[in-house]
Amino acid sequence: MDDIPEDLRHNLCMRLSRVKDGGKAHQWILRNERLTKLIMAVV
């Protein structure tokens, strides 16, 4: 993720937050500790 500019990481987080799948994507992200840490580093 360090190779991806912060603005693109932020955009990815925003897109993920808008996924309408009944919360499945959000649960998957929250269960993935590494991905959660990377996202929180952007927020």
C-alpha atoms as a PDB file:
ATOM      1  CA  MET A   1       0.000   0.000   0.000  1.00  0.00           C
ATOM      2  CA  ASP A   2       2.914   2.374   0.531  1.00  0.00           C
ATOM      3  CA  ASP A   3       3.417   2.462  -3.245  1.00  0.00           C
ATOM      4  CA  ILE A   4      -0.133   3.711  -3.759  1.00  0.00           C
ATOM      5  CA  PRO A   5      -0.559   7.457  -3.208  1.00  0.00           C
ATOM      6  CA  GLU A   6      -2.619   8.443  -0.181  1.00  0.00           C
ATOM      7  CA  ASP A   7      -5.345  10.115  -2.263  1.00  0.00           C
ATOM      8  CA  LEU A   8      -5.947   6.882  -4.175  1.00  0.00           C
ATOM      9  CA  ARG A   9      -6.036   4.869  -0.939  1.00  0.00           C
ATOM     10  CA  HIS A  10      -8.560   7.334   0.462  1.00  0.00           C
ATOM     11  CA  ASN A  11     -10.668   7.031  -2.687  1.00  0.00           C
ATOM     12  CA  LEU A  12     -10.603   3.240  -2.368  1.00  0.00           C
ATOM     13  CA  CYS A  13     -11.799   3.489   1.241  1.00  0.00           C
ATOM     14  CA  MET A  14     -14.641   5.768   0.186  1.00  0.00           C
ATOM     15  CA  ARG A  15     -15.689   3.358  -2.558  1.00  0.00           C
ATOM     16  CA  LEU A  16     -15.582   0.398  -0.184  1.00  0.00           C
ATOM     17  CA  SER A  17     -17.730   2.275   2.314  1.00  0.00           C
ATOM     18  CA  ARG A  18     -20.440   2.741  -0.347  1.00  0.00           C
ATOM     19  CA  VAL A  19     -20.736  -0.946  -1.299  1.00  0.00           C
ATOM     20  CA  LYS A  20     -24.359  -2.072  -0.952  1.00  0.00           C
ATOM     21  CA  ASP A  21     -24.184  -5.786  -0.323  1.00  0.00           C
ATOM     22  CA  GLY A  22     -25.860  -6.101   3.045  1.00  0.00           C
ATOM     23  CA  GLY A  23     -22.616  -5.493   4.923  1.00  0.00           C
ATOM     24  CA  LYS A  24     -20.725  -8.490   3.531  1.00  0.00           C
ATOM     25  CA  ALA A  25     -17.811  -6.374   2.271  1.00  0.00           C
ATOM     26  CA  HIS A  26     -17.590  -4.500   5.563  1.00  0.00           C
ATOM     27  CA  GLN A  27     -17.524  -7.736   7.558  1.00  0.00           C
ATOM     28  CA  TRP A  28     -14.840  -9.156   5.282  1.00  0.00           C
ATOM     29  CA  ILE A  29     -12.709  -6.037   5.762  1.00  0.00           C
ATOM     30  CA  LEU A  30     -13.165  -6.030   9.537  1.00  0.00           C
ATOM     31  CA  ARG A  31     -12.135  -9.686   9.737  1.00  0.00           C
ATOM     32  CA  ASN A  32      -8.954  -8.963   7.770  1.00  0.00           C
ATOM     33  CA  GLU A  33      -6.628  -7.438  10.364  1.00  0.00           C
ATOM     34  CA  ARG A  34      -3.955  -6.363   7.883  1.00  0.00           C
ATOM     35  CA  LEU A  35      -6.444  -4.652   5.578  1.00  0.00           C
ATOM     36  CA  THR A  36      -8.129  -2.943   8.524  1.00  0.00           C
ATOM     37  CA  LYS A  37      -4.795  -1.529   9.686  1.00  0.00           C
ATOM     38  CA  LEU A  38      -3.999  -0.250   6.187  1.00  0.00           C
ATOM     39  CA  ILE A  39      -7.375   1.443   5.929  1.00  0.00           C
ATOM     40  CA  MET A  40      -7.082   2.993   9.373  1.00  0.00           C
ATOM     41  CA  ALA A  41      -3.694   4.413   8.405  1.00  0.00           C
ATOM     42  CA  VAL A  42      -5.462   6.460   5.727  1.00  0.00           C
ATOM     43  CA  VAL A  43      -8.388   7.645   7.816  1.00  0.00           C
END
